[in-house]
Amino acid sequence: MMKEPRSIVRRALITEKGTVLRERRNQYTFEVARDANRIEIKRAVESIFSVKVDEVRTMQMRGKEKRQGRFAGRRSDWKKAIVTLKPDQKIELFEQV
């Protein structure tokens, strides 16, 4: 059974480092489902943004310890994907930011 593309790609990550990667290497960063693999991420990005994906790199991000006064908590762990597009491709959503 195939997963819904929107449930795999959670949100686009817009950071300074992500902006540099986008301008220099045509790479885009996303927060993705923790159980998604590279093939699923590639298919999801291609179907959502109608682009051709060249390569997908993934990494497990550890949730940070956060405190509010004397109460310490922890953010949940998450997965990040860096998607490289084919040379002539672009995702317009990012260009407005």
PDB file of N, CA and C in Angstrom:
ATOM      1  N   MET A   1       0.835  -1.201   0.000  1.00  0.00           N
ATOM      2  CA  MET A   1       0.000   0.000   0.000  1.00  0.00           C
ATOM      3  C   MET A   1       0.872   1.255   0.000  1.00  0.00           C
ATOM      4  N   MET A   2       0.570   2.183  -0.896  1.00  0.00           N
ATOM      5  CA  MET A   2       1.388   3.391  -0.970  1.00  0.00           C
ATOM      6  C   MET A   2       0.874   4.470  -0.029  1.00  0.00           C
ATOM      7  N   LYS A   3       1.826   5.153   0.609  1.00  0.00           N
ATOM      8  CA  LYS A   3       1.440   6.217   1.547  1.00  0.00           C
ATOM      9  C   LYS A   3       1.100   7.494   0.782  1.00  0.00           C
ATOM     10  N   GLU A   4       0.307   8.323   1.414  1.00  0.00           N
ATOM     11  CA  GLU A   4      -0.064   9.627   0.856  1.00  0.00           C
ATOM     12  C   GLU A   4       1.188  10.523   0.837  1.00  0.00           C
ATOM     13  N   PRO A   5       1.520  11.167  -0.313  1.00  0.00           N
ATOM     14  CA  PRO A   5       2.729  11.998  -0.385  1.00  0.00           C
ATOM     15  C   PRO A   5       2.815  13.069   0.709  1.00  0.00           C
ATOM     16  N   ARG A   6       1.675  13.678   1.045  1.00  0.00           N
ATOM     17  CA  ARG A   6       1.679  14.727   2.076  1.00  0.00           C
ATOM     18  C   ARG A   6       1.970  14.179   3.472  1.00  0.00           C
ATOM     19  N   SER A   7       1.725  12.881   3.694  1.00  0.00           N
ATOM     20  CA  SER A   7       2.039  12.309   5.003  1.00  0.00           C
ATOM     21  C   SER A   7       3.528  11.955   5.095  1.00  0.00           C
ATOM     22  N   ILE A   8       4.194  11.834   3.947  1.00  0.00           N
ATOM     23  CA  ILE A   8       5.635  11.563   3.940  1.00  0.00           C
ATOM     24  C   ILE A   8       6.405  12.866   4.102  1.00  0.00           C
ATOM     25  N   VAL A   9       6.115  13.862   3.252  1.00  0.00           N
ATOM     26  CA  VAL A   9       6.782  15.163   3.343  1.00  0.00           C
ATOM     27  C   VAL A   9       5.950  16.030   4.279  1.00  0.00           C
ATOM     28  N   ARG A  10       6.455  16.267   5.495  1.00  0.00           N
ATOM     29  CA  ARG A  10       5.683  17.018   6.488  1.00  0.00           C
ATOM     30  C   ARG A  10       5.689  18.512   6.197  1.00  0.00           C
ATOM     31  N   ARG A  11       6.913  19.080   6.046  1.00  0.00           N
ATOM     32  CA  ARG A  11       7.003  20.519   5.776  1.00  0.00           C
ATOM     33  C   ARG A  11       8.374  20.833   5.191  1.00  0.00           C
ATOM     34  N   ALA A  12       8.444  21.964   4.516  1.00  0.00           N
ATOM     35  CA  ALA A  12       9.709  22.451   3.978  1.00  0.00           C
ATOM     36  C   ALA A  12      10.450  23.177   5.089  1.00  0.00           C
ATOM     37  N   LEU A  13      11.759  22.985   5.152  1.00  0.00           N
ATOM     38  CA  LEU A  13      12.562  23.665   6.167  1.00  0.00           C
ATOM     39  C   LEU A  13      13.254  24.857   5.515  1.00  0.00           C
ATOM     40  N   ILE A  14      12.998  26.045   6.052  1.00  0.00           N
ATOM     41  CA  ILE A  14      13.604  27.247   5.503  1.00  0.00           C
ATOM     42  C   ILE A  14      14.569  27.805   6.539  1.00  0.00           C
ATOM     43  N   THR A  15      15.867  27.597   6.276  1.00  0.00           N
ATOM     44  CA  THR A  15      16.923  28.049   7.177  1.00  0.00           C
ATOM     45  C   THR A  15      17.995  28.735   6.344  1.00  0.00           C
ATOM     46  N   GLU A  16      18.953  29.372   7.017  1.00  0.00           N
ATOM     47  CA  GLU A  16      20.047  30.016   6.283  1.00  0.00           C
ATOM     48  C   GLU A  16      20.851  28.990   5.501  1.00  0.00           C
ATOM     49  N   LYS A  17      21.161  27.868   6.157  1.00  0.00           N
ATOM     50  CA  LYS A  17      21.933  26.825   5.494  1.00  0.00           C
ATOM     51  C   LYS A  17      21.152  26.267   4.300  1.00  0.00           C
ATOM     52  N   GLY A  18      19.843  26.074   4.486  1.00  0.00           N
ATOM     53  CA  GLY A  18      19.003  25.577   3.406  1.00  0.00           C
ATOM     54  C   GLY A  18      18.977  26.522   2.214  1.00  0.00           C
ATOM     55  N   THR A  19      18.980  27.821   2.503  1.00  0.00           N
ATOM     56  CA  THR A  19      18.984  28.829   1.438  1.00  0.00           C
ATOM     57  C   THR A  19      20.282  28.757   0.640  1.00  0.00           C
ATOM     58  N   VAL A  20      21.401  28.587   1.332  1.00  0.00           N
ATOM     59  CA  VAL A  20      22.704  28.468   0.656  1.00  0.00           C
ATOM     60  C   VAL A  20      22.728  27.216  -0.217  1.00  0.00           C
ATOM     61  N   LEU A  21      22.254  26.092   0.324  1.00  0.00           N
ATOM     62  CA  LEU A  21      22.206  24.838  -0.455  1.00  0.00           C
ATOM     63  C   LEU A  21      21.335  25.000  -1.693  1.00  0.00           C
ATOM     64  N   ARG A  22      20.210  25.702  -1.540  1.00  0.00           N
ATOM     65  CA  ARG A  22      19.290  25.882  -2.655  1.00  0.00           C
ATOM     66  C   ARG A  22      19.938  26.714  -3.764  1.00  0.00           C
ATOM     67  N   GLU A  23      20.607  27.785  -3.378  1.00  0.00           N
ATOM     68  CA  GLU A  23      21.203  28.672  -4.389  1.00  0.00           C
ATOM     69  C   GLU A  23      22.420  28.045  -5.068  1.00  0.00           C
ATOM     70  N   ARG A  24      23.274  27.367  -4.297  1.00  0.00           N
ATOM     71  CA  ARG A  24      24.524  26.853  -4.853  1.00  0.00           C
ATOM     72  C   ARG A  24      24.407  25.483  -5.489  1.00  0.00           C
ATOM     73  N   ARG A  25      23.575  24.595  -4.872  1.00  0.00           N
ATOM     74  CA  ARG A  25      23.567  23.198  -5.305  1.00  0.00           C
ATOM     75  C   ARG A  25      22.215  22.684  -5.760  1.00  0.00           C
ATOM     76  N   ASN A  26      21.182  23.534  -5.781  1.00  0.00           N
ATOM     77  CA  ASN A  26      19.826  23.119  -6.173  1.00  0.00           C
ATOM     78  C   ASN A  26      19.301  22.012  -5.252  1.00  0.00           C
ATOM     79  N   GLN A  27      19.577  22.170  -3.925  1.00  0.00           N
ATOM     80  CA  GLN A  27      19.125  21.208  -2.928  1.00  0.00           C
ATOM     81  C   GLN A  27      18.084  21.855  -2.024  1.00  0.00           C
ATOM     82  N   TYR A  28      17.062  21.081  -1.680  1.00  0.00           N
ATOM     83  CA  TYR A  28      15.963  21.566  -0.846  1.00  0.00           C
ATOM     84  C   TYR A  28      15.846  20.672   0.382  1.00  0.00           C
ATOM     85  N   THR A  29      15.514  21.261   1.543  1.00  0.00           N
ATOM     86  CA  THR A  29      15.416  20.467   2.771  1.00  0.00           C
ATOM     87  C   THR A  29      13.966  20.356   3.231  1.00  0.00           C
ATOM     88  N   PHE A  30      13.622  19.175   3.728  1.00  0.00           N
ATOM     89  CA  PHE A  30      12.268  18.893   4.192  1.00  0.00           C
ATOM     90  C   PHE A  30      12.304  18.119   5.494  1.00  0.00           C
ATOM     91  N   GLU A  31      11.275  18.335   6.328  1.00  0.00           N
ATOM     92  CA  GLU A  31      11.039  17.421   7.442  1.00  0.00           C
ATOM     93  C   GLU A  31      10.149  16.323   6.892  1.00  0.00           C
ATOM     94  N   VAL A  32      10.537  15.080   7.110  1.00  0.00           N
ATOM     95  CA  VAL A  32       9.797  13.951   6.543  1.00  0.00           C
ATOM     96  C   VAL A  32       9.393  12.963   7.641  1.00  0.00           C
ATOM     97  N   ALA A  33       8.491  12.049   7.303  1.00  0.00           N
ATOM     98  CA  ALA A  33       8.053  11.025   8.249  1.00  0.00           C
ATOM     99  C   ALA A  33       9.255  10.171   8.649  1.00  0.00           C
ATOM    100  N   ARG A  34       9.315   9.780   9.918  1.00  0.00           N
ATOM    101  CA  ARG A  34      10.474   9.027  10.416  1.00  0.00           C
ATOM    102  C   ARG A  34      10.609   7.656   9.780  1.00  0.00           C
ATOM    103  N   ASP A  35       9.499   7.072   9.340  1.00  0.00           N
ATOM    104  CA  ASP A  35       9.565   5.733   8.757  1.00  0.00           C
ATOM    105  C   ASP A  35       9.671   5.753   7.228  1.00  0.00           C
ATOM    106  N   ALA A  36       9.779   6.934   6.632  1.00  0.00           N
ATOM    107  CA  ALA A  36       9.859   7.035   5.165  1.00  0.00           C
ATOM    108  C   ALA A  36      11.282   6.736   4.696  1.00  0.00           C
ATOM    109  N   ASN A  37      11.396   6.011   3.584  1.00  0.00           N
ATOM    110  CA  ASN A  37      12.729   5.759   3.025  1.00  0.00           C
ATOM    111  C   ASN A  37      12.986   6.699   1.843  1.00  0.00           C
ATOM    112  N   ARG A  38      14.190   6.626   1.291  1.00  0.00           N
ATOM    113  CA  ARG A  38      14.589   7.561   0.225  1.00  0.00           C
ATOM    114  C   ARG A  38      13.698   7.460  -1.012  1.00  0.00           C
ATOM    115  N   ILE A  39      13.303   6.254  -1.360  1.00  0.00           N
ATOM    116  CA  ILE A  39      12.475   6.056  -2.564  1.00  0.00           C
ATOM    117  C   ILE A  39      11.111   6.717  -2.367  1.00  0.00           C
ATOM    118  N   GLU A  40      10.510   6.505  -1.195  1.00  0.00           N
ATOM    119  CA  GLU A  40       9.208   7.113  -0.901  1.00  0.00           C
ATOM    120  C   GLU A  40       9.309   8.635  -0.889  1.00  0.00           C
ATOM    121  N   ILE A  41      10.392   9.163  -0.308  1.00  0.00           N
ATOM    122  CA  ILE A  41      10.591  10.620  -0.246  1.00  0.00           C
ATOM    123  C   ILE A  41      10.728  11.174  -1.665  1.00  0.00           C
ATOM    124  N   LYS A  42      11.515  10.497  -2.500  1.00  0.00           N
ATOM    125  CA  LYS A  42      11.704  10.941  -3.891  1.00  0.00           C
ATOM    126  C   LYS A  42      10.367  11.005  -4.626  1.00  0.00           C
ATOM    127  N   ARG A  43       9.570   9.929  -4.522  1.00  0.00           N
ATOM    128  CA  ARG A  43       8.271   9.890  -5.206  1.00  0.00           C
ATOM    129  C   ARG A  43       7.329  10.971  -4.690  1.00  0.00           C
ATOM    130  N   ALA A  44       7.342  11.185  -3.364  1.00  0.00           N
ATOM    131  CA  ALA A  44       6.453  12.180  -2.762  1.00  0.00           C
ATOM    132  C   ALA A  44       6.805  13.580  -3.238  1.00  0.00           C
ATOM    133  N   VAL A  45       8.105  13.930  -3.229  1.00  0.00           N
ATOM    134  CA  VAL A  45       8.529  15.270  -3.668  1.00  0.00           C
ATOM    135  C   VAL A  45       8.204  15.458  -5.146  1.00  0.00           C
ATOM    136  N   GLU A  46       8.455  14.432  -5.953  1.00  0.00           N
ATOM    137  CA  GLU A  46       8.162  14.538  -7.394  1.00  0.00           C
ATOM    138  C   GLU A  46       6.672  14.742  -7.650  1.00  0.00           C
ATOM    139  N   SER A  47       5.812  14.058  -6.883  1.00  0.00           N
ATOM    140  CA  SER A  47       4.369  14.200  -7.130  1.00  0.00           C
ATOM    141  C   SER A  47       3.813  15.506  -6.566  1.00  0.00           C
ATOM    142  N   ILE A  48       4.305  15.954  -5.410  1.00  0.00           N
ATOM    143  CA  ILE A  48       3.776  17.191  -4.812  1.00  0.00           C
ATOM    144  C   ILE A  48       4.190  18.421  -5.631  1.00  0.00           C
ATOM    145  N   PHE A  49       5.482  18.492  -5.982  1.00  0.00           N
ATOM    146  CA  PHE A  49       6.008  19.710  -6.631  1.00  0.00           C
ATOM    147  C   PHE A  49       6.177  19.568  -8.145  1.00  0.00           C
ATOM    148  N   SER A  50       5.842  18.428  -8.720  1.00  0.00           N
ATOM    149  CA  SER A  50       6.051  18.107 -10.141  1.00  0.00           C
ATOM    150  C   SER A  50       7.435  18.514 -10.640  1.00  0.00           C
ATOM    151  N   VAL A  51       8.439  17.929 -10.030  1.00  0.00           N
ATOM    152  CA  VAL A  51       9.837  18.138 -10.428  1.00  0.00           C
ATOM    153  C   VAL A  51      10.503  16.771 -10.551  1.00  0.00           C
ATOM    154  N   LYS A  52      11.720  16.760 -11.117  1.00  0.00           N
ATOM    155  CA  LYS A  52      12.496  15.521 -11.217  1.00  0.00           C
ATOM    156  C   LYS A  52      13.594  15.555 -10.151  1.00  0.00           C
ATOM    157  N   VAL A  53      13.616  14.534  -9.296  1.00  0.00           N
ATOM    158  CA  VAL A  53      14.596  14.459  -8.207  1.00  0.00           C
ATOM    159  C   VAL A  53      15.791  13.637  -8.659  1.00  0.00           C
ATOM    160  N   ASP A  54      17.002  14.144  -8.363  1.00  0.00           N
ATOM    161  CA  ASP A  54      18.229  13.459  -8.723  1.00  0.00           C
ATOM    162  C   ASP A  54      18.692  12.557  -7.587  1.00  0.00           C
ATOM    163  N   GLU A  55      18.668  13.091  -6.339  1.00  0.00           N
ATOM    164  CA  GLU A  55      19.238  12.357  -5.209  1.00  0.00           C
ATOM    165  C   GLU A  55      18.530  12.760  -3.925  1.00  0.00           C
ATOM    166  N   VAL A  56      18.442  11.830  -2.977  1.00  0.00           N
ATOM    167  CA  VAL A  56      17.849  12.117  -1.667  1.00  0.00           C
ATOM    168  C   VAL A  56      18.822  11.669  -0.587  1.00  0.00           C
ATOM    169  N   ARG A  57      19.118  12.563   0.343  1.00  0.00           N
ATOM    170  CA  ARG A  57      19.926  12.214   1.510  1.00  0.00           C
ATOM    171  C   ARG A  57      19.063  12.399   2.737  1.00  0.00           C
ATOM    172  N   THR A  58      19.167  11.476   3.681  1.00  0.00           N
ATOM    173  CA  THR A  58      18.348  11.577   4.888  1.00  0.00           C
ATOM    174  C   THR A  58      19.217  11.552   6.129  1.00  0.00           C
ATOM    175  N   MET A  59      18.683  12.120   7.207  1.00  0.00           N
ATOM    176  CA  MET A  59      19.376  12.060   8.496  1.00  0.00           C
ATOM    177  C   MET A  59      18.364  12.080   9.621  1.00  0.00           C
ATOM    178  N   GLN A  60      18.680  11.363  10.691  1.00  0.00           N
ATOM    179  CA  GLN A  60      17.839  11.334  11.881  1.00  0.00           C
ATOM    180  C   GLN A  60      18.267  12.490  12.776  1.00  0.00           C
ATOM    181  N   MET A  61      17.326  13.350  13.132  1.00  0.00           N
ATOM    182  CA  MET A  61      17.625  14.495  13.991  1.00  0.00           C
ATOM    183  C   MET A  61      17.145  14.176  15.412  1.00  0.00           C
ATOM    184  N   ARG A  62      18.002  14.416  16.389  1.00  0.00           N
ATOM    185  CA  ARG A  62      17.618  14.172  17.783  1.00  0.00           C
ATOM    186  C   ARG A  62      16.830  15.371  18.295  1.00  0.00           C
ATOM    187  N   GLY A  63      15.765  15.093  19.052  1.00  0.00           N
ATOM    188  CA  GLY A  63      14.992  16.174  19.654  1.00  0.00           C
ATOM    189  C   GLY A  63      15.799  16.858  20.743  1.00  0.00           C
ATOM    190  N   LYS A  64      15.643  18.162  20.891  1.00  0.00           N
ATOM    191  CA  LYS A  64      16.422  18.921  21.872  1.00  0.00           C
ATOM    192  C   LYS A  64      15.759  18.907  23.243  1.00  0.00           C
ATOM    193  N   GLU A  65      16.580  19.018  24.269  1.00  0.00           N
ATOM    194  CA  GLU A  65      16.078  19.221  25.633  1.00  0.00           C
ATOM    195  C   GLU A  65      15.645  20.680  25.726  1.00  0.00           C
ATOM    196  N   LYS A  66      14.440  20.925  26.227  1.00  0.00           N
ATOM    197  CA  LYS A  66      13.949  22.300  26.397  1.00  0.00           C
ATOM    198  C   LYS A  66      13.401  22.437  27.808  1.00  0.00           C
ATOM    199  N   ARG A  67      13.532  23.615  28.398  1.00  0.00           N
ATOM    200  CA  ARG A  67      12.992  23.835  29.735  1.00  0.00           C
ATOM    201  C   ARG A  67      12.071  25.034  29.732  1.00  0.00           C
ATOM    202  N   GLN A  68      11.105  24.981  30.630  1.00  0.00           N
ATOM    203  CA  GLN A  68      10.275  26.133  30.902  1.00  0.00           C
ATOM    204  C   GLN A  68      10.282  26.282  32.412  1.00  0.00           C
ATOM    205  N   GLY A  69      11.086  27.219  32.893  1.00  0.00           N
ATOM    206  CA  GLY A  69      11.260  27.350  34.335  1.00  0.00           C
ATOM    207  C   GLY A  69      11.928  26.109  34.879  1.00  0.00           C
ATOM    208  N   ARG A  70      11.305  25.470  35.848  1.00  0.00           N
ATOM    209  CA  ARG A  70      11.931  24.279  36.441  1.00  0.00           C
ATOM    210  C   ARG A  70      11.516  22.995  35.754  1.00  0.00           C
ATOM    211  N   PHE A  71      10.644  23.070  34.763  1.00  0.00           N
ATOM    212  CA  PHE A  71      10.171  21.873  34.077  1.00  0.00           C
ATOM    213  C   PHE A  71      11.006  21.614  32.832  1.00  0.00           C
ATOM    214  N   ALA A  72      11.631  20.470  32.808  1.00  0.00           N
ATOM    215  CA  ALA A  72      12.447  20.104  31.653  1.00  0.00           C
ATOM    216  C   ALA A  72      11.652  19.136  30.793  1.00  0.00           C
ATOM    217  N   GLY A  73      11.711  19.341  29.496  1.00  0.00           N
ATOM    218  CA  GLY A  73      11.024  18.448  28.572  1.00  0.00           C
ATOM    219  C   GLY A  73      11.927  18.157  27.405  1.00  0.00           C
ATOM    220  N   ARG A  74      11.432  17.408  26.490  1.00  0.00           N
ATOM    221  CA  ARG A  74      12.229  17.030  25.337  1.00  0.00           C
ATOM    222  C   ARG A  74      11.363  17.080  24.092  1.00  0.00           C
ATOM    223  N   ARG A  75      11.889  17.708  23.043  1.00  0.00           N
ATOM    224  CA  ARG A  75      11.192  17.682  21.760  1.00  0.00           C
ATOM    225  C   ARG A  75      11.370  16.304  21.142  1.00  0.00           C
ATOM    226  N   SER A  76      10.428  15.894  20.310  1.00  0.00           N
ATOM    227  CA  SER A  76      10.519  14.551  19.738  1.00  0.00           C
ATOM    228  C   SER A  76      11.574  14.508  18.627  1.00  0.00           C
ATOM    229  N   ASP A  77      12.128  13.328  18.416  1.00  0.00           N
ATOM    230  CA  ASP A  77      13.099  13.128  17.345  1.00  0.00           C
ATOM    231  C   ASP A  77      12.371  13.234  16.002  1.00  0.00           C
ATOM    232  N   TRP A  78      13.105  13.601  14.941  1.00  0.00           N
ATOM    233  CA  TRP A  78      12.500  13.740  13.621  1.00  0.00           C
ATOM    234  C   TRP A  78      13.512  13.417  12.533  1.00  0.00           C
ATOM    235  N   LYS A  79      13.047  13.341  11.311  1.00  0.00           N
ATOM    236  CA  LYS A  79      13.902  12.975  10.186  1.00  0.00           C
ATOM    237  C   LYS A  79      13.955  14.127   9.185  1.00  0.00           C
ATOM    238  N   LYS A  80      15.149  14.381   8.681  1.00  0.00           N
ATOM    239  CA  LYS A  80      15.353  15.462   7.714  1.00  0.00           C
ATOM    240  C   LYS A  80      15.832  14.855   6.404  1.00  0.00           C
ATOM    241  N   ALA A  81      15.338  15.391   5.294  1.00  0.00           N
ATOM    242  CA  ALA A  81      15.763  14.930   3.971  1.00  0.00           C
ATOM    243  C   ALA A  81      16.292  16.117   3.177  1.00  0.00           C
ATOM    244  N   ILE A  82      17.446  15.926   2.554  1.00  0.00           N
ATOM    245  CA  ILE A  82      17.989  16.935   1.628  1.00  0.00           C
ATOM    246  C   ILE A  82      17.833  16.355   0.234  1.00  0.00           C
ATOM    247  N   VAL A  83      17.015  17.038  -0.571  1.00  0.00           N
ATOM    248  CA  VAL A  83      16.652  16.536  -1.902  1.00  0.00           C
ATOM    249  C   VAL A  83      17.375  17.366  -2.949  1.00  0.00           C
ATOM    250  N   THR A  84      18.157  16.692  -3.808  1.00  0.00           N
ATOM    251  CA  THR A  84      18.839  17.357  -4.914  1.00  0.00           C
ATOM    252  C   THR A  84      17.997  17.173  -6.165  1.00  0.00           C
ATOM    253  N   LEU A  85      17.700  18.291  -6.843  1.00  0.00           N
ATOM    254  CA  LEU A  85      16.902  18.211  -8.074  1.00  0.00           C
ATOM    255  C   LEU A  85      17.813  18.131  -9.289  1.00  0.00           C
ATOM    256  N   LYS A  86      17.254  17.659 -10.390  1.00  0.00           N
ATOM    257  CA  LYS A  86      18.006  17.635 -11.653  1.00  0.00           C
ATOM    258  C   LYS A  86      18.329  19.090 -12.043  1.00  0.00           C
ATOM    259  N   PRO A  87      19.417  19.308 -12.798  1.00  0.00           N
ATOM    260  CA  PRO A  87      19.918  20.675 -13.055  1.00  0.00           C
ATOM    261  C   PRO A  87      18.895  21.708 -13.512  1.00  0.00           C
ATOM    262  N   ASP A  88      17.937  21.339 -14.374  1.00  0.00           N
ATOM    263  CA  ASP A  88      17.002  22.336 -14.922  1.00  0.00           C
ATOM    264  C   ASP A  88      15.740  22.496 -14.079  1.00  0.00           C
ATOM    265  N   GLN A  89      15.668  21.851 -12.916  1.00  0.00           N
ATOM    266  CA  GLN A  89      14.450  21.858 -12.095  1.00  0.00           C
ATOM    267  C   GLN A  89      14.508  22.904 -10.983  1.00  0.00           C
ATOM    268  N   LYS A  90      13.301  23.340 -10.549  1.00  0.00           N
ATOM    269  CA  LYS A  90      13.174  24.323  -9.460  1.00  0.00           C
ATOM    270  C   LYS A  90      11.859  24.079  -8.739  1.00  0.00           C
ATOM    271  N   ILE A  91      11.826  24.361  -7.423  1.00  0.00           N
ATOM    272  CA  ILE A  91      10.571  24.325  -6.692  1.00  0.00           C
ATOM    273  C   ILE A  91      10.190  25.773  -6.421  1.00  0.00           C
ATOM    274  N   GLU A  92       9.092  26.203  -7.006  1.00  0.00           N
ATOM    275  CA  GLU A  92       8.705  27.627  -6.935  1.00  0.00           C
ATOM    276  C   GLU A  92       8.361  28.083  -5.537  1.00  0.00           C
ATOM    277  N   LEU A  93       7.787  27.188  -4.728  1.00  0.00           N
ATOM    278  CA  LEU A  93       7.385  27.533  -3.370  1.00  0.00           C
ATOM    279  C   LEU A  93       8.506  28.234  -2.608  1.00  0.00           C
ATOM    280  N   PHE A  94       9.734  27.768  -2.769  1.00  0.00           N
ATOM    281  CA  PHE A  94      10.854  28.322  -2.031  1.00  0.00           C
ATOM    282  C   PHE A  94      11.308  29.665  -2.567  1.00  0.00           C
ATOM    283  N   GLU A  95      11.065  29.916  -3.832  1.00  0.00           N
ATOM    284  CA  GLU A  95      11.608  31.114  -4.458  1.00  0.00           C
ATOM    285  C   GLU A  95      10.977  32.391  -3.903  1.00  0.00           C
ATOM    286  N   GLN A  96       9.759  32.318  -3.391  1.00  0.00           N
ATOM    287  CA  GLN A  96       9.099  33.515  -2.853  1.00  0.00           C
ATOM    288  C   GLN A  96       9.673  33.920  -1.494  1.00  0.00           C
ATOM    289  N   VAL A  97      10.282  32.971  -0.776  1.00  0.00           N
ATOM    290  CA  VAL A  97      10.718  33.249   0.603  1.00  0.00           C
ATOM    291  C   VAL A  97      11.926  34.160   0.599  1.00  0.00           C
TER     292      VAL A  97
END
